[in-house]
Amino acid sequence: MTNGMTMEATPGSSGYLDLHPERKMSFWKNPYILGFTAAAGIGGLLFGYDTGVISGALLYIKDDFKEVRDSSFLQETIVSMALVGAIIGAALGGWINDAFGRKKATISADIVFILGSIVMATAPDAYVLIFGRFLVGLGVGVASVTAPVYIAESSPSEIRGSLVSVNVLMITGGQFLSYLINLAFTEVPGTWRWMLGVAGLPAALQFFFIIFLPESPRWLFLKDKKDEAIDVLTKIYTLERLEDEVDYLSAQYELERHRRRDIKFTDVFKSKEIRLAFFVGGGLQAFQQFTGISIVMYYGPTIIEMAGFGSNQEALLLSLIVAGMNAAGTVLGIYLIDRAGRRKLALSSLSGASVALAVLSGGSYLESSDSTNTAYGWIAIAGLALYILFFSPGMGPVPWTVNSEIYPEEFRGVCGGMSATVNWICSTIMSESFLSVTDAVGLGGSFLILLGVAILAIIFVALFVPETKGLTFEEVAMIWKERAWGKNQNTQNLLETGNQS
């Protein structure tokens, strides 16, 4: 091998053969990396703002539209229609990303999101509002696929987890911002219209910034635009490392060129390795939602009202505190994800969330049995805060980070879209059913069900999720080859590839 590449096993890479030079970089020392991460991460801000803003706006939409106030189903539909749009957007997002690139996919998401915000802000009735929510969901769905992949493909492997987690920080930051906006407009005429309409501003901001950003270097290599890709890489890497990165991506391009074809979602299930990867990626996305985060974020103020806190302003203020904890926890996750690793972080997060769900369920049961005792309501609120405290550093960023790095280049767009679609489908199921389930089994019973799912999630992570901390995309691919075909055959194939190069 040339240019400093080695065929030695790297410590911390689970024994997989390393084709990269020494990897040490701090994103704080590279303004360009910080810039594209922040600009791309605005897609996460849109995601988070939409998640949080509807929980507060719904309190005031019910005041304006009697049919919404009288129908739990209509309330659930207003919340979940954005998720229906996100399912379609995420499914289309994988194809848009592969065909047109990460940059154009981001621009298309911004345009649709801005249109949806305008429709919501001017909606004359609940049904036009639902259509606006659908449009916003389309934009969020495309952004949820694009932002993590764009950041991951432009990031050095040793800080990839932290950078992708910044996108999740933007999600939680967007949720926190939405509660601030909700509180700011509580006394303003047309309260909920302002809450929903303001969502178009960050989309317009991202549209402006993304025009000046380049395309993902890996996508450019895949499309045989090597000179453009090298131009981008010079902004990311030092001269000492640049040659190795270019040679490495060139070698990967040659491998991909020989097997390149149009990937369809059915192809995912034809390869044992990709099936294994998607099982883990899709499973993590499903458990992220089925353990209750969508319920907490979409119905936070409603849950707080059910726990005995009556006024809209009081519910929004307590929800703001919970959202602030969510954002703070994500900052902790950014620090830990490339240090503790994805797997350990997910396991500790789910374990703590399970304890919190038990407290939340118990407090809700006690409050429903004696609504005159406010201490029981505070127990439920404490459980809610504890849940966010444990969930946000781990199961918030881990599923998105893992899904941005576990698929081979030719499958990254379609599998990223499929896994995000799983997330949105599960989120839709949760948001569309929560009020109905609570009507049937009570608030305490609802959280008891979530506790059971959280325990299943712990088992899933322990059995199936590998550690991908610090590994290149190709080293991660070796994990699935080993699981599918065995270690000896896998290592022999890599050695043959290395000798040929």
Protein backbone atom coordinates (compact mmCIF):
# COMPACT_ATOMS: atom_id res chain seq x y z
CA MET A 1 0.00 0.00 0.00
CA THR A 2 1.11 3.60 -0.60
CA ASN A 3 0.70 7.06 0.91
CA GLY A 4 0.87 5.92 4.51
CA MET A 5 -2.04 3.44 4.39
CA THR A 6 -1.56 0.33 6.45
CA MET A 7 -3.05 -3.12 6.63
CA GLU A 8 -2.78 -3.28 10.43
CA ALA A 9 -5.67 -3.66 12.82
CA THR A 10 -6.55 -0.41 14.55
CA PRO A 11 -7.14 -0.34 18.32
CA GLY A 12 -10.78 0.30 19.01
CA SER A 13 -11.88 -0.90 15.58
CA SER A 14 -12.94 -4.33 16.79
CA GLY A 15 -10.02 -5.96 14.99
CA TYR A 16 -11.11 -4.86 11.51
CA LEU A 17 -8.38 -4.10 9.03
CA ASP A 18 -7.71 -0.40 8.61
CA LEU A 19 -7.13 1.19 5.23
CA HIS A 20 -6.93 4.76 6.54
CA PRO A 21 -4.00 6.79 7.86
CA GLU A 22 -3.98 8.00 11.46
CA ARG A 23 -7.26 9.74 12.23
CA LYS A 24 -7.18 12.64 14.67
CA MET A 25 -9.22 15.78 14.20
CA SER A 26 -11.15 18.30 16.27
CA PHE A 27 -14.08 20.00 14.56
CA TRP A 28 -13.57 23.06 16.78
CA LYS A 29 -10.36 23.78 14.85
CA ASN A 30 -11.99 23.73 11.42
CA PRO A 31 -14.50 26.56 10.78
CA TYR A 32 -15.56 24.96 7.50
CA ILE A 33 -16.66 21.74 9.23
CA LEU A 34 -18.56 23.76 11.82
CA GLY A 35 -20.17 25.83 9.07
CA PHE A 36 -21.52 23.01 6.91
CA THR A 37 -22.65 21.07 9.98
CA ALA A 38 -24.61 24.05 11.29
CA ALA A 39 -26.14 24.89 7.89
CA ALA A 40 -27.11 21.28 7.13
CA GLY A 41 -28.35 20.88 10.70
CA ILE A 42 -31.02 23.54 10.18
CA GLY A 43 -32.95 20.63 8.66
CA GLY A 44 -32.93 19.16 12.16
CA LEU A 45 -34.15 22.49 13.53
CA LEU A 46 -37.15 22.31 11.17
CA PHE A 47 -37.79 18.76 12.34
CA GLY A 48 -37.66 19.76 16.00
CA TYR A 49 -39.65 22.96 15.65
CA ASP A 50 -42.47 21.16 13.87
CA THR A 51 -42.46 18.46 16.57
CA GLY A 52 -42.68 20.92 19.43
CA VAL A 53 -44.79 23.76 18.08
CA ILE A 54 -47.92 21.73 17.39
CA SER A 55 -48.10 20.57 21.01
CA GLY A 56 -48.63 24.16 22.17
CA ALA A 57 -50.54 25.38 19.11
CA LEU A 58 -53.06 22.57 19.54
CA LEU A 59 -54.21 24.10 22.83
CA TYR A 60 -55.27 27.25 20.96
CA ILE A 61 -56.49 25.56 17.76
CA LYS A 62 -59.07 23.82 19.95
CA ASP A 63 -60.23 27.25 21.16
CA ASP A 64 -60.74 28.51 17.57
CA PHE A 65 -62.24 25.42 15.94
CA LYS A 66 -65.10 23.75 17.81
CA GLU A 67 -64.94 20.61 15.68
CA VAL A 68 -61.32 20.10 16.79
CA ARG A 69 -62.20 20.70 20.43
CA ASP A 70 -64.95 18.07 20.27
CA SER A 71 -62.93 15.38 18.49
CA SER A 72 -59.88 13.52 19.83
CA PHE A 73 -59.51 11.96 16.38
CA LEU A 74 -59.30 15.37 14.68
CA GLN A 75 -56.72 16.51 17.23
CA GLU A 76 -54.67 13.37 16.57
CA THR A 77 -54.98 13.94 12.82
CA ILE A 78 -53.72 17.53 13.03
CA VAL A 79 -50.68 16.24 14.91
CA SER A 80 -50.08 13.12 12.84
CA MET A 81 -50.73 14.50 9.34
CA ALA A 82 -47.27 16.04 9.36
CA LEU A 83 -45.97 12.56 10.12
CA VAL A 84 -47.89 11.11 7.17
CA GLY A 85 -46.20 13.72 4.99
CA ALA A 86 -42.86 12.86 6.59
CA ILE A 87 -43.32 9.18 5.74
CA ILE A 88 -43.74 10.06 2.07
CA GLY A 89 -40.97 12.66 2.21
CA ALA A 90 -38.53 10.22 3.80
CA ALA A 91 -39.39 7.53 1.26
CA LEU A 92 -38.82 9.98 -1.61
CA GLY A 93 -35.82 11.52 0.14
CA GLY A 94 -33.60 8.50 -0.40
CA TRP A 95 -34.20 8.59 -4.15
CA ILE A 96 -33.82 12.40 -4.35
CA ASN A 97 -30.53 12.18 -2.45
CA ASP A 98 -29.09 9.55 -4.76
CA ALA A 99 -30.35 11.06 -8.01
CA PHE A 100 -29.81 14.78 -7.43
CA GLY A 101 -27.45 15.01 -4.47
CA ARG A 102 -27.69 16.05 -0.85
CA LYS A 103 -27.62 19.78 -1.63
CA LYS A 104 -30.57 19.81 -4.05
CA ALA A 105 -32.52 17.51 -1.73
CA THR A 106 -32.07 20.06 1.06
CA ILE A 107 -33.22 22.92 -1.18
CA SER A 108 -36.35 21.01 -2.23
CA ALA A 109 -37.18 20.30 1.42
CA ASP A 110 -36.86 23.98 2.31
CA ILE A 111 -39.19 25.09 -0.50
CA VAL A 112 -41.92 22.62 0.48
CA PHE A 113 -41.57 23.50 4.17
CA ILE A 114 -41.96 27.24 3.47
CA LEU A 115 -45.12 26.59 1.43
CA GLY A 116 -46.55 24.43 4.20
CA SER A 117 -45.87 27.11 6.83
CA ILE A 118 -47.74 29.71 4.78
CA VAL A 119 -50.73 27.38 4.29
CA MET A 120 -50.91 26.64 8.04
CA ALA A 121 -50.67 30.28 9.08
CA THR A 122 -53.53 31.29 6.76
CA ALA A 123 -55.75 28.21 7.18
CA PRO A 124 -59.47 29.17 7.35
CA ASP A 125 -60.51 25.82 8.83
CA ALA A 126 -59.13 22.63 10.34
CA TYR A 127 -58.98 20.80 7.01
CA VAL A 128 -56.79 23.37 5.24
CA LEU A 129 -54.63 23.33 8.38
CA ILE A 130 -54.29 19.55 8.03
CA PHE A 131 -53.16 20.01 4.39
CA GLY A 132 -50.54 22.53 5.52
CA ARG A 133 -49.34 20.06 8.13
CA PHE A 134 -48.99 17.47 5.36
CA LEU A 135 -46.81 19.83 3.25
CA VAL A 136 -44.60 20.65 6.23
CA GLY A 137 -44.26 16.93 6.87
CA LEU A 138 -43.04 16.32 3.31
CA GLY A 139 -40.25 18.84 3.85
CA VAL A 140 -39.33 17.44 7.25
CA GLY A 141 -39.27 13.89 5.84
CA VAL A 142 -36.79 14.77 3.10
CA ALA A 143 -34.67 16.78 5.56
CA SER A 144 -34.61 13.92 8.08
CA VAL A 145 -32.96 11.70 5.46
CA THR A 146 -30.68 14.31 3.93
CA ALA A 147 -29.11 16.15 6.87
CA PRO A 148 -27.55 13.13 8.67
CA VAL A 149 -26.20 11.64 5.41
CA TYR A 150 -24.84 14.98 4.17
CA ILE A 151 -23.05 15.60 7.47
CA ALA A 152 -21.77 12.02 7.77
CA GLU A 153 -20.38 11.92 4.23
CA SER A 154 -18.57 15.24 4.70
CA SER A 155 -17.15 14.37 8.11
CA PRO A 156 -13.86 12.76 9.16
CA SER A 157 -14.66 9.33 10.60
CA GLU A 158 -13.22 10.07 14.07
CA ILE A 159 -15.70 12.91 14.72
CA ARG A 160 -18.57 11.69 12.54
CA GLY A 161 -20.73 10.65 15.49
CA SER A 162 -20.38 14.04 17.18
CA LEU A 163 -21.15 15.93 13.98
CA VAL A 164 -24.23 13.85 13.12
CA SER A 165 -25.34 14.32 16.71
CA VAL A 166 -25.22 18.08 16.16
CA ASN A 167 -28.15 17.50 13.80
CA VAL A 168 -30.00 15.86 16.69
CA LEU A 169 -29.04 18.83 18.90
CA MET A 170 -30.68 21.04 16.28
CA ILE A 171 -33.81 18.85 16.53
CA THR A 172 -33.98 19.27 20.31
CA GLY A 173 -32.99 22.93 19.98
CA GLY A 174 -35.86 23.36 17.54
CA GLN A 175 -38.23 21.80 20.05
CA PHE A 176 -36.99 24.17 22.76
CA LEU A 177 -37.33 27.14 20.39
CA SER A 178 -40.89 26.09 19.54
CA TYR A 179 -41.91 26.27 23.20
CA LEU A 180 -40.30 29.70 23.53
CA ILE A 181 -42.25 30.86 20.47
CA ASN A 182 -45.40 29.29 21.88
CA LEU A 183 -45.00 31.24 25.12
CA ALA A 184 -44.13 34.46 23.27
CA PHE A 185 -47.38 34.37 21.27
CA THR A 186 -49.79 33.27 23.99
CA GLU A 187 -51.22 36.80 24.35
CA VAL A 188 -51.00 37.78 20.67
CA PRO A 189 -54.14 37.71 18.46
CA GLY A 190 -54.01 34.75 16.08
CA THR A 191 -51.83 32.87 18.57
CA TRP A 192 -51.48 29.51 16.84
CA ARG A 193 -51.15 31.07 13.37
CA TRP A 194 -48.00 32.89 14.46
CA MET A 195 -46.69 29.75 16.14
CA LEU A 196 -47.04 27.69 12.96
CA GLY A 197 -46.15 30.43 10.46
CA VAL A 198 -42.80 31.29 12.07
CA ALA A 199 -41.64 27.79 11.09
CA GLY A 200 -40.96 29.06 7.57
CA LEU A 201 -38.15 31.38 8.72
CA PRO A 202 -35.46 28.76 9.49
CA ALA A 203 -36.31 27.00 6.21
CA ALA A 204 -35.71 30.27 4.33
CA LEU A 205 -32.46 30.73 6.27
CA GLN A 206 -31.23 27.27 5.32
CA PHE A 207 -32.24 27.81 1.69
CA PHE A 208 -29.98 30.87 1.63
CA PHE A 209 -26.99 29.20 3.33
CA ILE A 210 -27.16 25.90 1.45
CA ILE A 211 -26.71 27.68 -1.89
CA PHE A 212 -23.14 28.52 -0.85
CA LEU A 213 -22.28 25.02 0.38
CA PRO A 214 -20.74 22.32 -1.84
CA GLU A 215 -22.10 18.85 -2.44
CA SER A 216 -21.03 15.84 -0.36
CA PRO A 217 -17.56 14.72 -1.55
CA ARG A 218 -18.57 11.07 -1.48
CA TRP A 219 -21.60 11.73 -3.68
CA LEU A 220 -19.40 13.72 -6.07
CA PHE A 221 -16.98 10.81 -6.31
CA LEU A 222 -19.86 8.44 -6.94
CA LYS A 223 -21.02 10.67 -9.80
CA ASP A 224 -17.48 10.78 -11.26
CA LYS A 225 -16.94 14.44 -10.36
CA LYS A 226 -13.52 13.90 -8.84
CA ASP A 227 -12.17 17.45 -9.27
CA GLU A 228 -15.18 18.94 -7.46
CA ALA A 229 -14.85 16.36 -4.71
CA ILE A 230 -11.14 17.12 -4.19
CA ASP A 231 -11.99 20.81 -3.99
CA VAL A 232 -14.34 20.02 -1.08
CA LEU A 233 -11.86 17.69 0.63
CA THR A 234 -9.18 20.41 0.68
CA LYS A 235 -11.46 22.41 2.98
CA ILE A 236 -11.83 19.48 5.39
CA TYR A 237 -8.40 17.83 5.63
CA THR A 238 -4.81 18.96 6.07
CA LEU A 239 -2.41 18.47 3.19
CA GLU A 240 -0.78 15.56 5.04
CA ARG A 241 -4.02 13.65 5.10
CA LEU A 242 -5.63 14.93 1.91
CA GLU A 243 -3.68 12.68 -0.48
CA ASP A 244 -4.60 9.58 1.51
CA GLU A 245 -8.27 10.54 1.57
CA VAL A 246 -8.33 11.21 -2.18
CA ASP A 247 -6.56 7.93 -2.96
CA TYR A 248 -8.87 6.06 -0.64
CA LEU A 249 -12.06 7.52 -2.14
CA SER A 250 -10.69 6.95 -5.64
CA ALA A 251 -10.14 3.29 -4.83
CA GLN A 252 -13.65 3.04 -3.41
CA TYR A 253 -15.03 4.72 -6.53
CA GLU A 254 -13.36 2.10 -8.73
CA LEU A 255 -14.90 -0.68 -6.66
CA GLU A 256 -18.34 0.96 -6.82
CA ARG A 257 -18.03 1.62 -10.57
CA HIS A 258 -17.77 -2.08 -11.30
CA ARG A 259 -20.89 -2.94 -9.38
CA ARG A 260 -22.87 0.27 -9.80
CA ARG A 261 -26.52 0.03 -10.68
CA ASP A 262 -29.79 1.72 -9.85
CA ILE A 263 -30.67 0.57 -6.35
CA LYS A 264 -34.32 -0.13 -5.53
CA PHE A 265 -35.74 -0.74 -2.11
CA THR A 266 -36.34 -4.40 -3.03
CA ASP A 267 -32.56 -4.80 -3.51
CA VAL A 268 -32.11 -4.20 0.21
CA PHE A 269 -33.73 -7.56 0.95
CA LYS A 270 -31.73 -9.51 -1.66
CA SER A 271 -28.41 -9.12 0.18
CA LYS A 272 -27.93 -10.82 3.53
CA GLU A 273 -25.46 -8.13 4.65
CA ILE A 274 -27.79 -5.23 3.81
CA ARG A 275 -30.74 -7.02 5.40
CA LEU A 276 -28.77 -7.31 8.63
CA ALA A 277 -27.77 -3.64 8.50
CA PHE A 278 -31.31 -2.48 7.79
CA PHE A 279 -32.71 -4.72 10.54
CA VAL A 280 -30.48 -2.90 13.04
CA GLY A 281 -31.01 0.58 11.55
CA GLY A 282 -34.75 0.25 11.13
CA GLY A 283 -35.07 -1.44 14.51
CA LEU A 284 -33.33 1.42 16.29
CA GLN A 285 -35.60 3.95 14.57
CA ALA A 286 -38.70 1.96 15.52
CA PHE A 287 -37.67 1.63 19.17
CA GLN A 288 -36.80 5.33 19.35
CA GLN A 289 -40.45 6.10 18.64
CA PHE A 290 -42.15 3.16 20.36
CA THR A 291 -40.43 4.02 23.65
CA GLY A 292 -42.44 7.26 23.69
CA ILE A 293 -40.39 10.28 22.62
CA SER A 294 -43.00 11.43 20.07
CA ILE A 295 -45.73 11.27 22.70
CA VAL A 296 -43.67 13.32 25.14
CA MET A 297 -42.79 15.97 22.55
CA TYR A 298 -46.10 16.16 20.65
CA TYR A 299 -48.38 15.89 23.67
CA GLY A 300 -46.15 17.28 26.43
CA PRO A 301 -48.46 20.17 27.41
CA THR A 302 -51.50 17.86 27.16
CA ILE A 303 -49.81 15.29 29.45
CA ILE A 304 -48.99 18.05 31.92
CA GLU A 305 -52.62 19.20 31.91
CA MET A 306 -53.72 15.57 32.50
CA ALA A 307 -51.34 15.46 35.47
CA GLY A 308 -53.35 18.22 37.13
CA PHE A 309 -51.84 21.47 35.88
CA GLY A 310 -54.75 23.37 34.42
CA SER A 311 -53.79 26.51 32.50
CA ASN A 312 -52.32 26.62 29.00
CA GLN A 313 -49.53 28.96 30.10
CA GLU A 314 -48.59 26.70 33.03
CA ALA A 315 -48.50 23.64 30.79
CA LEU A 316 -46.38 25.45 28.18
CA LEU A 317 -43.93 26.74 30.79
CA LEU A 318 -43.36 23.28 32.26
CA SER A 319 -43.03 21.88 28.73
CA LEU A 320 -40.40 24.52 28.00
CA ILE A 321 -38.36 23.26 30.93
CA VAL A 322 -38.64 19.68 29.66
CA ALA A 323 -37.62 20.78 26.15
CA GLY A 324 -34.63 22.65 27.60
CA MET A 325 -33.54 19.48 29.38
CA ASN A 326 -33.91 17.62 26.09
CA ALA A 327 -31.55 20.05 24.34
CA ALA A 328 -29.06 19.97 27.23
CA GLY A 329 -29.10 16.17 27.24
CA THR A 330 -28.32 16.14 23.52
CA VAL A 331 -25.23 18.30 24.15
CA LEU A 332 -24.09 15.60 26.57
CA GLY A 333 -24.81 13.00 23.88
CA ILE A 334 -22.57 14.86 21.41
CA TYR A 335 -19.73 14.61 23.93
CA LEU A 336 -20.30 10.94 24.73
CA ILE A 337 -21.18 9.37 21.37
CA ASP A 338 -17.59 9.32 20.06
CA ARG A 339 -16.19 8.49 23.49
CA ALA A 340 -18.52 5.99 25.16
CA GLY A 341 -19.74 4.68 21.79
CA ARG A 342 -23.16 4.20 20.23
CA ARG A 343 -24.05 0.85 21.81
CA LYS A 344 -23.22 1.67 25.44
CA LEU A 345 -24.93 5.02 25.14
CA ALA A 346 -28.13 3.43 23.83
CA LEU A 347 -28.18 0.77 26.57
CA SER A 348 -27.67 3.25 29.41
CA SER A 349 -30.24 5.61 27.87
CA LEU A 350 -32.91 2.92 27.60
CA SER A 351 -32.23 1.65 31.12
CA GLY A 352 -32.69 5.10 32.62
CA ALA A 353 -35.75 5.81 30.48
CA SER A 354 -37.31 2.57 31.73
CA VAL A 355 -36.98 3.71 35.35
CA ALA A 356 -38.44 7.10 34.38
CA LEU A 357 -41.43 5.50 32.64
CA ALA A 358 -42.13 3.48 35.79
CA VAL A 359 -42.11 6.70 37.86
CA LEU A 360 -44.26 8.49 35.28
CA SER A 361 -46.78 5.66 35.22
CA GLY A 362 -46.95 5.47 39.00
CA GLY A 363 -47.41 9.21 39.40
CA SER A 364 -50.16 9.23 36.77
CA TYR A 365 -52.02 6.36 38.47
CA LEU A 366 -51.82 8.12 41.85
CA GLU A 367 -52.99 11.46 40.40
CA SER A 368 -55.99 9.83 38.70
CA SER A 369 -57.00 8.16 41.97
CA ASP A 370 -56.73 11.40 44.00
CA SER A 371 -56.73 14.51 41.79
CA THR A 372 -56.89 16.80 44.83
CA ASN A 373 -53.33 15.92 45.86
CA THR A 374 -50.97 17.99 43.67
CA ALA A 375 -47.95 16.04 44.94
CA TYR A 376 -48.99 13.12 42.72
CA GLY A 377 -48.99 15.39 39.68
CA TRP A 378 -45.49 16.51 40.55
CA ILE A 379 -44.35 12.88 40.70
CA ALA A 380 -45.59 12.46 37.13
CA ILE A 381 -43.77 15.66 36.08
CA ALA A 382 -40.58 14.37 37.76
CA GLY A 383 -40.93 11.14 35.78
CA LEU A 384 -41.34 13.15 32.58
CA ALA A 385 -38.19 15.16 33.31
CA LEU A 386 -36.26 12.00 34.24
CA TYR A 387 -37.35 10.36 31.00
CA ILE A 388 -35.98 13.25 28.92
CA LEU A 389 -32.81 13.36 31.02
CA PHE A 390 -31.96 9.75 30.12
CA PHE A 391 -33.48 9.52 26.64
CA SER A 392 -31.96 12.64 25.06
CA PRO A 393 -28.21 11.82 25.31
CA GLY A 394 -28.64 8.28 23.98
CA MET A 395 -31.71 7.18 22.09
CA GLY A 396 -32.09 10.69 20.70
CA PRO A 397 -28.85 10.79 18.62
CA VAL A 398 -27.86 7.11 18.40
CA PRO A 399 -30.46 5.86 15.85
CA TRP A 400 -29.75 8.74 13.45
CA THR A 401 -25.98 8.42 13.84
CA VAL A 402 -25.97 4.66 13.35
CA ASN A 403 -28.21 4.91 10.28
CA SER A 404 -25.92 7.49 8.71
CA GLU A 405 -22.92 5.15 8.85
CA ILE A 406 -23.95 1.48 8.61
CA TYR A 407 -24.90 1.23 4.92
CA PRO A 408 -22.55 0.87 1.93
CA GLU A 409 -22.32 3.85 -0.44
CA GLU A 410 -24.69 2.51 -3.07
CA PHE A 411 -27.35 1.69 -0.45
CA ARG A 412 -26.92 4.74 1.78
CA GLY A 413 -29.59 6.86 0.14
CA VAL A 414 -32.27 4.21 -0.19
CA CYS A 415 -31.62 2.59 3.20
CA GLY A 416 -31.40 5.98 4.90
CA GLY A 417 -34.77 6.84 3.37
CA MET A 418 -36.29 3.51 4.38
CA SER A 419 -35.06 3.74 7.98
CA ALA A 420 -36.31 7.33 8.30
CA THR A 421 -39.63 6.12 6.88
CA VAL A 422 -39.76 3.49 9.63
CA ASN A 423 -39.20 6.27 12.15
CA TRP A 424 -42.00 8.40 10.77
CA ILE A 425 -44.44 5.48 10.45
CA CYS A 426 -43.84 4.54 14.07
CA SER A 427 -44.13 8.16 15.14
CA THR A 428 -47.45 8.40 13.28
CA ILE A 429 -48.75 5.27 15.00
CA MET A 430 -47.80 6.69 18.40
CA SER A 431 -49.22 10.18 17.85
CA GLU A 432 -52.43 8.95 16.19
CA SER A 433 -53.17 6.45 18.96
CA PHE A 434 -51.98 8.09 22.19
CA LEU A 435 -55.15 9.96 23.16
CA SER A 436 -57.35 6.99 22.23
CA VAL A 437 -55.20 4.55 24.22
CA THR A 438 -55.16 6.94 27.16
CA ASP A 439 -58.97 7.18 27.01
CA ALA A 440 -59.08 3.37 27.20
CA VAL A 441 -56.41 2.51 29.82
CA GLY A 442 -55.61 5.84 31.46
CA LEU A 443 -52.41 7.88 31.40
CA GLY A 444 -50.66 5.53 33.83
CA GLY A 445 -51.55 2.50 31.70
CA SER A 446 -50.20 4.18 28.56
CA PHE A 447 -46.80 4.72 30.15
CA LEU A 448 -46.79 1.17 31.53
CA ILE A 449 -47.10 -0.08 27.93
CA LEU A 450 -44.15 2.12 26.95
CA LEU A 451 -42.13 0.63 29.81
CA GLY A 452 -42.64 -2.84 28.36
CA VAL A 453 -41.45 -1.65 24.95
CA ALA A 454 -38.37 -0.01 26.50
CA ILE A 455 -37.37 -3.34 28.05
CA LEU A 456 -37.69 -5.02 24.64
CA ALA A 457 -35.52 -2.25 23.18
CA ILE A 458 -32.77 -2.98 25.73
CA ILE A 459 -32.76 -6.62 24.65
CA PHE A 460 -32.66 -5.62 20.95
CA VAL A 461 -29.66 -3.31 21.38
CA ALA A 462 -27.79 -5.84 23.52
CA LEU A 463 -28.25 -8.64 20.98
CA PHE A 464 -28.03 -6.96 17.59
CA VAL A 465 -26.46 -3.47 17.58
CA PRO A 466 -22.69 -3.44 16.92
CA GLU A 467 -20.30 -0.72 18.04
CA THR A 468 -19.36 1.59 15.14
CA LYS A 469 -17.46 4.27 17.07
CA GLY A 470 -14.51 5.61 15.07
CA LEU A 471 -14.85 3.18 12.16
CA THR A 472 -14.77 4.17 8.50
CA PHE A 473 -17.80 3.35 6.36
CA GLU A 474 -15.86 0.43 4.87
CA GLU A 475 -14.88 -0.94 8.28
CA VAL A 476 -18.52 -0.84 9.30
CA ALA A 477 -19.40 -2.73 6.12
CA MET A 478 -16.97 -5.45 7.23
CA ILE A 479 -19.09 -6.02 10.34
CA TRP A 480 -22.09 -7.04 8.23
CA LYS A 481 -19.93 -9.21 5.97
CA GLU A 482 -18.55 -11.00 9.00
CA ARG A 483 -21.99 -11.50 10.52
CA ALA A 484 -23.36 -12.75 7.20
CA TRP A 485 -20.51 -14.96 6.03
CA GLY A 486 -18.11 -15.48 8.93
CA LYS A 487 -14.88 -13.76 9.96
CA ASN A 488 -12.35 -15.90 8.08
CA GLN A 489 -13.95 -15.45 4.67
CA ASN A 490 -14.46 -11.76 5.37
CA THR A 491 -10.82 -11.15 6.27
CA GLN A 492 -9.60 -13.10 3.23
CA ASN A 493 -11.74 -10.94 0.92
CA LEU A 494 -10.32 -7.73 2.46
CA LEU A 495 -6.73 -8.97 2.11
CA GLU A 496 -7.34 -9.77 -1.56
CA THR A 497 -8.82 -6.29 -2.10
CA GLY A 498 -5.84 -4.69 -0.33
CA ASN A 499 -3.30 -6.60 -2.40
CA GLN A 500 -5.04 -5.60 -5.62
CA SER A 501 -4.93 -1.94 -4.68
